[in-house]
Amino acid sequence: MIKIRCVVECITYQSPETGYSVLKCAVKNYKDLVTVVGNLVDANVGSVLLNDGNWKVDAKYGRQFLAESWEETMPATVFGIEKYLGSGLIKGVGPKFAKKIVQQFDTDTLEIIETDVQRLLEVPGIGKKRVDKIAESWKRQKEIKNVMFFLQDHGVSTAFAAKIYRQYGNESISKVKENPFRLADDIW
């Protein structure tokens, strides 16, 4: 089993039903983008992923990294943070505002969004409405990640976790804890 850390640059294919994804990723010490495949549901452009898996050579598509498990980590560099925010993952922040926010707060950007989102008002061009949209979107993304991590910690595959989240939404953790056997009836 090999571990690689990568930044998602492009999503070539992503199945919402199964979670199967084909991603083009930047990996340190690799000149070209690396193709990463596997059940990488909710991976977005700009996401920083830590993947466990192995290399394989596909007859049609060439060398790929087959991710057997993965976890998303927060970007640590200014470039990574800007790419993450500008990816469209957080509503209200596109590439233009991502650049402005990161210029204002540097590597503290994600911490500020997490703990004191109102400080975004210090960024020229960002108003109260946009800050509220960013805060709501950030909260929603965090809830999705919490559900996915909880289910993966309990041995649930990424593809099945995506189905559970689509069925129960933010109540996924409480419903599974309350009665895990209901999954057999509720999830196809």
N, C-alpha and C. Protein backbone atom coordinates (compact mmCIF):
# COMPACT_ATOMS: atom_id res chain seq x y z
N MET A 1 0.85 -1.18 0.00
CA MET A 1 0.00 0.00 0.00
C MET A 1 0.90 1.25 0.00
N ILE A 2 0.61 2.16 -0.90
CA ILE A 2 1.38 3.40 -1.05
C ILE A 2 0.49 4.57 -0.66
N LYS A 3 1.11 5.60 -0.08
CA LYS A 3 0.39 6.83 0.28
C LYS A 3 0.85 7.95 -0.62
N ILE A 4 -0.13 8.68 -1.21
CA ILE A 4 0.23 9.90 -1.94
C ILE A 4 -0.68 11.04 -1.50
N ARG A 5 -0.09 12.22 -1.43
CA ARG A 5 -0.84 13.43 -1.12
C ARG A 5 -0.94 14.23 -2.41
N CYS A 6 -2.15 14.68 -2.75
CA CYS A 6 -2.32 15.37 -4.02
C CYS A 6 -3.34 16.49 -3.91
N VAL A 7 -3.28 17.38 -4.88
CA VAL A 7 -4.26 18.46 -5.00
C VAL A 7 -5.06 18.19 -6.28
N VAL A 8 -6.38 18.14 -6.16
CA VAL A 8 -7.23 17.87 -7.31
C VAL A 8 -7.23 19.09 -8.23
N GLU A 9 -6.78 18.88 -9.45
CA GLU A 9 -6.72 19.97 -10.44
C GLU A 9 -7.92 19.93 -11.38
N CYS A 10 -8.41 18.72 -11.66
CA CYS A 10 -9.48 18.56 -12.65
C CYS A 10 -10.25 17.28 -12.35
N ILE A 11 -11.56 17.33 -12.49
CA ILE A 11 -12.38 16.12 -12.34
C ILE A 11 -12.76 15.68 -13.75
N THR A 12 -12.22 14.55 -14.17
CA THR A 12 -12.50 14.03 -15.50
C THR A 12 -13.86 13.34 -15.53
N TYR A 13 -14.14 12.58 -14.46
CA TYR A 13 -15.41 11.85 -14.37
C TYR A 13 -15.75 11.65 -12.91
N GLN A 14 -17.04 11.76 -12.58
CA GLN A 14 -17.48 11.48 -11.20
C GLN A 14 -18.92 11.00 -11.25
N SER A 15 -19.16 9.79 -10.76
CA SER A 15 -20.50 9.23 -10.74
C SER A 15 -21.17 9.55 -9.41
N PRO A 16 -22.27 10.31 -9.44
CA PRO A 16 -22.97 10.63 -8.19
C PRO A 16 -23.58 9.39 -7.53
N GLU A 17 -23.91 8.37 -8.32
CA GLU A 17 -24.53 7.16 -7.76
C GLU A 17 -23.52 6.30 -7.01
N THR A 18 -22.38 6.05 -7.64
CA THR A 18 -21.41 5.12 -7.04
C THR A 18 -20.26 5.83 -6.34
N GLY A 19 -20.02 7.09 -6.70
CA GLY A 19 -18.88 7.80 -6.14
C GLY A 19 -17.60 7.57 -6.89
N TYR A 20 -17.63 6.68 -7.91
CA TYR A 20 -16.42 6.41 -8.69
C TYR A 20 -15.99 7.68 -9.39
N SER A 21 -14.71 8.00 -9.26
CA SER A 21 -14.19 9.24 -9.82
C SER A 21 -12.87 9.02 -10.54
N VAL A 22 -12.65 9.85 -11.54
CA VAL A 22 -11.36 9.91 -12.23
C VAL A 22 -10.90 11.35 -12.09
N LEU A 23 -9.79 11.54 -11.39
CA LEU A 23 -9.29 12.87 -11.09
C LEU A 23 -7.90 13.07 -11.67
N LYS A 24 -7.63 14.28 -12.08
CA LYS A 24 -6.27 14.67 -12.48
C LYS A 24 -5.72 15.48 -11.32
N CYS A 25 -4.60 15.04 -10.76
CA CYS A 25 -4.09 15.65 -9.53
C CYS A 25 -2.62 16.03 -9.66
N ALA A 26 -2.29 17.11 -8.96
CA ALA A 26 -0.90 17.52 -8.85
C ALA A 26 -0.30 16.80 -7.64
N VAL A 27 0.81 16.11 -7.86
CA VAL A 27 1.49 15.39 -6.80
C VAL A 27 2.94 15.88 -6.76
N LYS A 28 3.41 16.17 -5.57
CA LYS A 28 4.79 16.65 -5.41
C LYS A 28 5.77 15.66 -6.04
N ASN A 29 6.77 16.18 -6.68
CA ASN A 29 7.83 15.41 -7.36
C ASN A 29 7.36 14.72 -8.64
N TYR A 30 6.16 15.03 -9.14
CA TYR A 30 5.70 14.52 -10.42
C TYR A 30 5.49 15.72 -11.34
N LYS A 31 6.14 15.70 -12.49
CA LYS A 31 6.07 16.83 -13.41
C LYS A 31 4.66 16.96 -14.00
N ASP A 32 4.08 15.85 -14.42
CA ASP A 32 2.75 15.85 -15.04
C ASP A 32 1.69 15.54 -14.00
N LEU A 33 0.44 15.86 -14.36
CA LEU A 33 -0.67 15.53 -13.48
C LEU A 33 -0.81 14.01 -13.40
N VAL A 34 -1.19 13.52 -12.24
CA VAL A 34 -1.37 12.09 -12.00
C VAL A 34 -2.86 11.78 -12.04
N THR A 35 -3.22 10.69 -12.71
CA THR A 35 -4.62 10.25 -12.73
C THR A 35 -4.86 9.41 -11.48
N VAL A 36 -5.84 9.83 -10.68
CA VAL A 36 -6.23 9.09 -9.48
C VAL A 36 -7.66 8.60 -9.69
N VAL A 37 -7.88 7.30 -9.50
CA VAL A 37 -9.21 6.70 -9.69
C VAL A 37 -9.64 5.99 -8.41
N GLY A 38 -10.94 5.90 -8.22
CA GLY A 38 -11.48 5.19 -7.07
C GLY A 38 -12.77 5.84 -6.61
N ASN A 39 -13.29 5.37 -5.48
CA ASN A 39 -14.51 5.94 -4.91
C ASN A 39 -14.16 7.19 -4.12
N LEU A 40 -14.05 8.30 -4.84
CA LEU A 40 -13.62 9.56 -4.26
C LEU A 40 -14.77 10.56 -4.29
N VAL A 41 -15.91 10.14 -3.77
CA VAL A 41 -17.10 10.99 -3.77
C VAL A 41 -16.82 12.29 -3.02
N ASP A 42 -17.38 13.35 -3.48
CA ASP A 42 -17.24 14.68 -2.87
C ASP A 42 -15.84 15.26 -2.96
N ALA A 43 -14.97 14.66 -3.76
CA ALA A 43 -13.68 15.30 -4.00
C ALA A 43 -13.93 16.44 -4.98
N ASN A 44 -13.41 17.60 -4.68
CA ASN A 44 -13.64 18.78 -5.51
C ASN A 44 -12.32 19.33 -6.00
N VAL A 45 -12.40 20.13 -7.06
CA VAL A 45 -11.20 20.81 -7.54
C VAL A 45 -10.65 21.66 -6.40
N GLY A 46 -9.36 21.53 -6.17
CA GLY A 46 -8.73 22.28 -5.08
C GLY A 46 -8.60 21.48 -3.80
N SER A 47 -9.34 20.37 -3.69
CA SER A 47 -9.25 19.53 -2.49
C SER A 47 -7.86 18.92 -2.37
N VAL A 48 -7.38 18.83 -1.14
CA VAL A 48 -6.10 18.16 -0.88
C VAL A 48 -6.44 16.79 -0.31
N LEU A 49 -6.02 15.74 -1.01
CA LEU A 49 -6.37 14.38 -0.62
C LEU A 49 -5.13 13.60 -0.20
N LEU A 50 -5.29 12.79 0.83
CA LEU A 50 -4.27 11.84 1.24
C LEU A 50 -4.83 10.47 0.88
N ASN A 51 -4.23 9.82 -0.13
CA ASN A 51 -4.75 8.56 -0.68
C ASN A 51 -3.87 7.38 -0.29
N ASP A 52 -4.51 6.28 0.04
CA ASP A 52 -3.83 5.00 0.21
C ASP A 52 -4.24 4.12 -0.96
N GLY A 53 -3.28 3.51 -1.61
CA GLY A 53 -3.61 2.66 -2.74
C GLY A 53 -2.37 2.15 -3.43
N ASN A 54 -2.51 1.82 -4.71
CA ASN A 54 -1.40 1.28 -5.48
C ASN A 54 -1.47 1.78 -6.92
N TRP A 55 -0.32 1.75 -7.57
CA TRP A 55 -0.26 2.11 -8.97
C TRP A 55 -0.76 0.96 -9.81
N LYS A 56 -1.42 1.28 -10.92
CA LYS A 56 -1.82 0.25 -11.88
C LYS A 56 -1.67 0.85 -13.28
N VAL A 57 -1.54 -0.02 -14.25
CA VAL A 57 -1.45 0.43 -15.63
C VAL A 57 -2.69 -0.10 -16.35
N ASP A 58 -3.54 0.84 -16.78
CA ASP A 58 -4.74 0.50 -17.52
C ASP A 58 -4.37 0.41 -19.00
N ALA A 59 -4.85 -0.63 -19.67
CA ALA A 59 -4.50 -0.85 -21.07
C ALA A 59 -4.90 0.34 -21.95
N LYS A 60 -6.02 0.96 -21.63
CA LYS A 60 -6.52 2.07 -22.46
C LYS A 60 -6.02 3.43 -21.97
N TYR A 61 -5.97 3.65 -20.64
CA TYR A 61 -5.70 4.98 -20.09
C TYR A 61 -4.30 5.17 -19.51
N GLY A 62 -3.53 4.11 -19.45
CA GLY A 62 -2.16 4.24 -18.96
C GLY A 62 -2.03 4.15 -17.45
N ARG A 63 -0.96 4.75 -16.94
CA ARG A 63 -0.63 4.66 -15.51
C ARG A 63 -1.60 5.48 -14.67
N GLN A 64 -2.15 4.84 -13.63
CA GLN A 64 -3.11 5.49 -12.73
C GLN A 64 -2.83 5.07 -11.30
N PHE A 65 -3.25 5.91 -10.37
CA PHE A 65 -3.16 5.54 -8.97
C PHE A 65 -4.56 5.12 -8.53
N LEU A 66 -4.69 3.88 -8.08
CA LEU A 66 -5.98 3.36 -7.63
C LEU A 66 -6.08 3.60 -6.13
N ALA A 67 -6.92 4.57 -5.76
CA ALA A 67 -7.09 4.93 -4.35
C ALA A 67 -8.08 3.97 -3.70
N GLU A 68 -7.60 3.22 -2.70
CA GLU A 68 -8.47 2.29 -1.99
C GLU A 68 -9.15 2.98 -0.81
N SER A 69 -8.46 3.95 -0.21
CA SER A 69 -9.07 4.77 0.84
C SER A 69 -8.44 6.16 0.74
N TRP A 70 -9.13 7.13 1.29
CA TRP A 70 -8.65 8.50 1.18
C TRP A 70 -9.25 9.34 2.29
N GLU A 71 -8.60 10.45 2.54
CA GLU A 71 -9.16 11.44 3.45
C GLU A 71 -8.78 12.81 2.93
N GLU A 72 -9.68 13.74 3.13
CA GLU A 72 -9.41 15.10 2.69
C GLU A 72 -8.72 15.85 3.82
N THR A 73 -7.68 16.56 3.48
CA THR A 73 -7.00 17.39 4.46
C THR A 73 -7.10 18.83 3.99
N MET A 74 -6.99 19.73 4.90
CA MET A 74 -7.06 21.14 4.53
C MET A 74 -5.73 21.55 3.91
N PRO A 75 -5.79 22.38 2.88
CA PRO A 75 -4.54 22.84 2.28
C PRO A 75 -3.74 23.69 3.25
N ALA A 76 -2.43 23.59 3.17
CA ALA A 76 -1.55 24.29 4.11
C ALA A 76 -0.85 25.49 3.48
N THR A 77 -0.81 25.53 2.15
CA THR A 77 -0.09 26.62 1.50
C THR A 77 -1.09 27.68 1.01
N VAL A 78 -0.58 28.88 0.80
CA VAL A 78 -1.42 29.97 0.28
C VAL A 78 -2.01 29.57 -1.07
N PHE A 79 -1.19 28.98 -1.93
CA PHE A 79 -1.66 28.54 -3.25
C PHE A 79 -2.78 27.50 -3.10
N GLY A 80 -2.57 26.53 -2.22
CA GLY A 80 -3.57 25.47 -2.01
C GLY A 80 -4.87 26.02 -1.46
N ILE A 81 -4.78 26.94 -0.53
CA ILE A 81 -5.98 27.54 0.07
C ILE A 81 -6.76 28.32 -0.99
N GLU A 82 -6.04 29.09 -1.78
CA GLU A 82 -6.68 29.89 -2.84
C GLU A 82 -7.38 28.97 -3.84
N LYS A 83 -6.71 27.89 -4.23
CA LYS A 83 -7.27 26.93 -5.18
C LYS A 83 -8.52 26.26 -4.59
N TYR A 84 -8.44 25.88 -3.32
CA TYR A 84 -9.55 25.23 -2.61
C TYR A 84 -10.76 26.15 -2.55
N LEU A 85 -10.56 27.39 -2.12
CA LEU A 85 -11.68 28.34 -2.01
C LEU A 85 -12.25 28.71 -3.37
N GLY A 86 -11.40 28.84 -4.37
CA GLY A 86 -11.85 29.26 -5.69
C GLY A 86 -12.43 28.14 -6.54
N SER A 87 -12.52 26.94 -6.00
CA SER A 87 -12.95 25.78 -6.77
C SER A 87 -14.46 25.74 -7.01
N GLY A 88 -15.22 26.59 -6.31
CA GLY A 88 -16.67 26.53 -6.43
C GLY A 88 -17.30 25.70 -5.32
N LEU A 89 -16.49 25.08 -4.50
CA LEU A 89 -16.95 24.28 -3.38
C LEU A 89 -17.71 25.13 -2.37
N ILE A 90 -17.21 26.33 -2.12
CA ILE A 90 -17.83 27.24 -1.16
C ILE A 90 -18.61 28.29 -1.95
N LYS A 91 -19.93 28.27 -1.82
CA LYS A 91 -20.77 29.21 -2.55
C LYS A 91 -20.45 30.64 -2.10
N GLY A 92 -20.38 31.53 -3.07
CA GLY A 92 -20.07 32.92 -2.78
C GLY A 92 -18.60 33.26 -2.96
N VAL A 93 -17.78 32.23 -3.20
CA VAL A 93 -16.35 32.47 -3.41
C VAL A 93 -15.94 31.82 -4.72
N GLY A 94 -15.54 32.65 -5.66
CA GLY A 94 -14.97 32.17 -6.91
C GLY A 94 -13.48 32.47 -6.89
N PRO A 95 -12.80 32.25 -8.00
CA PRO A 95 -11.36 32.51 -8.04
C PRO A 95 -10.98 33.95 -7.66
N LYS A 96 -11.79 34.92 -8.10
CA LYS A 96 -11.48 36.33 -7.84
C LYS A 96 -11.51 36.63 -6.34
N PHE A 97 -12.61 36.23 -5.68
CA PHE A 97 -12.72 36.49 -4.24
C PHE A 97 -11.77 35.62 -3.43
N ALA A 98 -11.50 34.41 -3.91
CA ALA A 98 -10.55 33.54 -3.22
C ALA A 98 -9.19 34.24 -3.14
N LYS A 99 -8.78 34.84 -4.25
CA LYS A 99 -7.49 35.53 -4.29
C LYS A 99 -7.48 36.70 -3.30
N LYS A 100 -8.56 37.48 -3.28
CA LYS A 100 -8.65 38.63 -2.37
C LYS A 100 -8.62 38.19 -0.90
N ILE A 101 -9.37 37.14 -0.59
CA ILE A 101 -9.44 36.64 0.80
C ILE A 101 -8.07 36.14 1.25
N VAL A 102 -7.42 35.36 0.41
CA VAL A 102 -6.12 34.80 0.77
C VAL A 102 -5.06 35.91 0.86
N GLN A 103 -5.16 36.92 0.01
CA GLN A 103 -4.23 38.05 0.12
C GLN A 103 -4.40 38.75 1.47
N GLN A 104 -5.63 38.82 1.94
CA GLN A 104 -5.92 39.50 3.21
C GLN A 104 -5.46 38.68 4.42
N PHE A 105 -5.71 37.36 4.39
CA PHE A 105 -5.51 36.55 5.60
C PHE A 105 -4.39 35.51 5.51
N ASP A 106 -3.80 35.34 4.32
CA ASP A 106 -2.67 34.44 4.14
C ASP A 106 -3.03 33.01 4.57
N THR A 107 -2.16 32.33 5.30
CA THR A 107 -2.40 30.94 5.69
C THR A 107 -3.42 30.80 6.82
N ASP A 108 -3.86 31.91 7.40
CA ASP A 108 -4.89 31.87 8.45
C ASP A 108 -6.30 31.85 7.87
N THR A 109 -6.43 31.90 6.55
CA THR A 109 -7.72 32.04 5.89
C THR A 109 -8.76 31.01 6.36
N LEU A 110 -8.42 29.73 6.30
CA LEU A 110 -9.40 28.70 6.64
C LEU A 110 -9.79 28.76 8.11
N GLU A 111 -8.83 29.07 8.96
CA GLU A 111 -9.10 29.21 10.40
C GLU A 111 -10.08 30.36 10.63
N ILE A 112 -9.90 31.45 9.91
CA ILE A 112 -10.79 32.61 10.06
C ILE A 112 -12.19 32.27 9.58
N ILE A 113 -12.30 31.58 8.45
CA ILE A 113 -13.63 31.18 7.96
C ILE A 113 -14.30 30.26 8.96
N GLU A 114 -13.53 29.38 9.56
CA GLU A 114 -14.07 28.42 10.53
C GLU A 114 -14.50 29.09 11.84
N THR A 115 -13.69 30.00 12.36
CA THR A 115 -13.94 30.51 13.71
C THR A 115 -14.49 31.93 13.78
N ASP A 116 -14.22 32.76 12.76
CA ASP A 116 -14.65 34.16 12.83
C ASP A 116 -14.96 34.68 11.42
N VAL A 117 -15.97 34.08 10.79
CA VAL A 117 -16.28 34.35 9.39
C VAL A 117 -16.60 35.83 9.14
N GLN A 118 -17.06 36.55 10.15
CA GLN A 118 -17.41 37.97 9.97
C GLN A 118 -16.18 38.82 9.61
N ARG A 119 -15.00 38.31 9.89
CA ARG A 119 -13.78 39.04 9.52
C ARG A 119 -13.62 39.15 8.00
N LEU A 120 -14.37 38.34 7.25
CA LEU A 120 -14.32 38.45 5.79
C LEU A 120 -14.80 39.82 5.32
N LEU A 121 -15.55 40.51 6.17
CA LEU A 121 -16.00 41.87 5.83
C LEU A 121 -14.82 42.83 5.67
N GLU A 122 -13.65 42.46 6.20
CA GLU A 122 -12.44 43.27 6.06
C GLU A 122 -11.89 43.24 4.63
N VAL A 123 -12.33 42.26 3.84
CA VAL A 123 -11.85 42.10 2.47
C VAL A 123 -12.63 43.05 1.57
N PRO A 124 -11.94 43.91 0.80
CA PRO A 124 -12.63 44.85 -0.09
C PRO A 124 -13.53 44.12 -1.08
N GLY A 125 -14.78 44.57 -1.19
CA GLY A 125 -15.73 43.99 -2.14
C GLY A 125 -16.61 42.90 -1.57
N ILE A 126 -16.37 42.48 -0.34
CA ILE A 126 -17.20 41.43 0.27
C ILE A 126 -18.15 42.09 1.27
N GLY A 127 -19.44 41.84 1.04
CA GLY A 127 -20.47 42.42 1.91
C GLY A 127 -21.10 41.37 2.81
N LYS A 128 -22.04 41.82 3.60
CA LYS A 128 -22.71 40.97 4.60
C LYS A 128 -23.41 39.78 3.94
N LYS A 129 -24.09 40.04 2.81
CA LYS A 129 -24.82 38.96 2.13
C LYS A 129 -23.87 37.84 1.69
N ARG A 130 -22.75 38.23 1.12
CA ARG A 130 -21.77 37.24 0.65
C ARG A 130 -21.16 36.48 1.83
N VAL A 131 -20.88 37.17 2.92
CA VAL A 131 -20.33 36.53 4.12
C VAL A 131 -21.31 35.48 4.64
N ASP A 132 -22.61 35.82 4.65
CA ASP A 132 -23.62 34.87 5.12
C ASP A 132 -23.68 33.64 4.21
N LYS A 133 -23.58 33.87 2.91
CA LYS A 133 -23.60 32.76 1.94
C LYS A 133 -22.38 31.85 2.15
N ILE A 134 -21.22 32.47 2.35
CA ILE A 134 -19.98 31.71 2.58
C ILE A 134 -20.10 30.90 3.87
N ALA A 135 -20.60 31.52 4.93
CA ALA A 135 -20.74 30.83 6.22
C ALA A 135 -21.67 29.63 6.11
N GLU A 136 -22.79 29.79 5.42
CA GLU A 136 -23.76 28.69 5.25
C GLU A 136 -23.15 27.55 4.44
N SER A 137 -22.48 27.90 3.35
CA SER A 137 -21.87 26.89 2.50
C SER A 137 -20.75 26.15 3.23
N TRP A 138 -19.95 26.88 4.00
CA TRP A 138 -18.86 26.27 4.77
C TRP A 138 -19.43 25.28 5.78
N LYS A 139 -20.50 25.67 6.45
CA LYS A 139 -21.14 24.81 7.45
C LYS A 139 -21.66 23.53 6.79
N ARG A 140 -22.30 23.68 5.65
CA ARG A 140 -22.86 22.52 4.95
C ARG A 140 -21.74 21.56 4.52
N GLN A 141 -20.65 22.09 3.96
CA GLN A 141 -19.54 21.23 3.55
C GLN A 141 -18.94 20.49 4.74
N LYS A 142 -18.86 21.19 5.87
CA LYS A 142 -18.32 20.58 7.09
C LYS A 142 -19.21 19.43 7.56
N GLU A 143 -20.54 19.64 7.49
CA GLU A 143 -21.48 18.59 7.90
C GLU A 143 -21.36 17.36 7.00
N ILE A 144 -21.23 17.59 5.71
CA ILE A 144 -21.07 16.47 4.77
C ILE A 144 -19.81 15.68 5.11
N LYS A 145 -18.71 16.39 5.35
CA LYS A 145 -17.45 15.72 5.67
C LYS A 145 -17.56 14.94 6.97
N ASN A 146 -18.22 15.51 7.98
CA ASN A 146 -18.39 14.81 9.26
C ASN A 146 -19.14 13.50 9.08
N VAL A 147 -20.21 13.55 8.28
CA VAL A 147 -20.98 12.33 8.03
C VAL A 147 -20.11 11.30 7.31
N MET A 148 -19.39 11.74 6.28
CA MET A 148 -18.55 10.82 5.51
C MET A 148 -17.47 10.19 6.40
N PHE A 149 -16.82 11.00 7.23
CA PHE A 149 -15.77 10.47 8.12
C PHE A 149 -16.36 9.49 9.12
N PHE A 150 -17.51 9.81 9.70
CA PHE A 150 -18.16 8.92 10.66
C PHE A 150 -18.45 7.56 10.01
N LEU A 151 -19.05 7.59 8.83
CA LEU A 151 -19.41 6.34 8.16
C LEU A 151 -18.18 5.55 7.74
N GLN A 152 -17.16 6.24 7.24
CA GLN A 152 -15.94 5.54 6.84
C GLN A 152 -15.22 4.93 8.04
N ASP A 153 -15.28 5.61 9.18
CA ASP A 153 -14.69 5.06 10.41
C ASP A 153 -15.38 3.77 10.85
N HIS A 154 -16.62 3.58 10.40
CA HIS A 154 -17.37 2.38 10.76
C HIS A 154 -17.39 1.36 9.63
N GLY A 155 -16.42 1.48 8.72
CA GLY A 155 -16.25 0.47 7.69
C GLY A 155 -17.19 0.60 6.51
N VAL A 156 -17.89 1.72 6.39
CA VAL A 156 -18.81 1.91 5.28
C VAL A 156 -18.01 2.46 4.10
N SER A 157 -18.20 1.86 2.93
CA SER A 157 -17.46 2.32 1.75
C SER A 157 -17.89 3.74 1.39
N THR A 158 -17.04 4.42 0.66
CA THR A 158 -17.34 5.78 0.24
C THR A 158 -18.60 5.83 -0.62
N ALA A 159 -18.75 4.88 -1.51
CA ALA A 159 -19.92 4.86 -2.39
C ALA A 159 -21.21 4.68 -1.59
N PHE A 160 -21.17 3.77 -0.63
CA PHE A 160 -22.36 3.52 0.19
C PHE A 160 -22.62 4.71 1.13
N ALA A 161 -21.56 5.32 1.63
CA ALA A 161 -21.70 6.51 2.48
C ALA A 161 -22.40 7.63 1.72
N ALA A 162 -22.08 7.78 0.43
CA ALA A 162 -22.72 8.81 -0.39
C ALA A 162 -24.22 8.54 -0.51
N LYS A 163 -24.58 7.27 -0.68
CA LYS A 163 -26.01 6.92 -0.76
C LYS A 163 -26.72 7.21 0.56
N ILE A 164 -26.07 6.90 1.65
CA ILE A 164 -26.65 7.16 2.98
C ILE A 164 -26.85 8.65 3.17
N TYR A 165 -25.86 9.45 2.80
CA TYR A 165 -25.99 10.90 2.95
C TYR A 165 -27.12 11.45 2.07
N ARG A 166 -27.24 10.94 0.84
CA ARG A 166 -28.33 11.41 -0.03
C ARG A 166 -29.69 11.06 0.57
N GLN A 167 -29.78 9.94 1.26
CA GLN A 167 -31.05 9.50 1.84
C GLN A 167 -31.40 10.30 3.10
N TYR A 168 -30.46 10.48 4.00
CA TYR A 168 -30.75 11.05 5.31
C TYR A 168 -30.22 12.47 5.51
N GLY A 169 -29.33 12.93 4.64
CA GLY A 169 -28.78 14.28 4.79
C GLY A 169 -27.99 14.43 6.08
N ASN A 170 -28.16 15.57 6.74
CA ASN A 170 -27.41 15.86 7.96
C ASN A 170 -27.83 15.01 9.15
N GLU A 171 -28.90 14.27 9.00
CA GLU A 171 -29.35 13.37 10.08
C GLU A 171 -28.73 11.98 9.96
N SER A 172 -27.84 11.80 9.01
CA SER A 172 -27.26 10.48 8.75
C SER A 172 -26.65 9.84 9.98
N ILE A 173 -25.82 10.58 10.72
CA ILE A 173 -25.13 10.01 11.87
C ILE A 173 -26.13 9.56 12.92
N SER A 174 -27.09 10.43 13.25
CA SER A 174 -28.06 10.07 14.30
C SER A 174 -28.94 8.90 13.87
N LYS A 175 -29.35 8.85 12.61
CA LYS A 175 -30.20 7.75 12.14
C LYS A 175 -29.45 6.43 12.15
N VAL A 176 -28.18 6.44 11.75
CA VAL A 176 -27.39 5.20 11.74
C VAL A 176 -27.11 4.75 13.16
N LYS A 177 -26.80 5.69 14.07
CA LYS A 177 -26.56 5.33 15.48
C LYS A 177 -27.82 4.77 16.11
N GLU A 178 -28.96 5.38 15.80
CA GLU A 178 -30.25 4.98 16.38
C GLU A 178 -30.62 3.56 15.98
N ASN A 179 -30.47 3.25 14.68
CA ASN A 179 -30.82 1.92 14.20
C ASN A 179 -30.08 1.62 12.90
N PRO A 180 -28.88 1.03 12.99
CA PRO A 180 -28.12 0.77 11.77
C PRO A 180 -28.79 -0.23 10.83
N PHE A 181 -29.70 -1.04 11.35
CA PHE A 181 -30.35 -2.04 10.52
C PHE A 181 -31.34 -1.43 9.53
N ARG A 182 -31.74 -0.18 9.77
CA ARG A 182 -32.68 0.48 8.86
C ARG A 182 -32.06 0.70 7.49
N LEU A 183 -30.72 0.67 7.43
CA LEU A 183 -30.05 0.85 6.14
C LEU A 183 -30.47 -0.22 5.15
N ALA A 184 -30.71 -1.43 5.65
CA ALA A 184 -31.10 -2.53 4.78
C ALA A 184 -32.43 -2.24 4.10
N ASP A 185 -33.33 -1.53 4.78
CA ASP A 185 -34.64 -1.21 4.21
C ASP A 185 -34.62 0.08 3.39
N ASP A 186 -33.86 1.07 3.84
CA ASP A 186 -33.93 2.41 3.25
C ASP A 186 -32.99 2.66 2.09
N ILE A 187 -31.87 1.97 2.03
CA ILE A 187 -30.86 2.26 1.01
C ILE A 187 -30.80 1.10 0.02
N TRP A 188 -30.95 1.43 -1.24
CA TRP A 188 -30.92 0.40 -2.29
C TRP A 188 -29.52 -0.09 -2.50
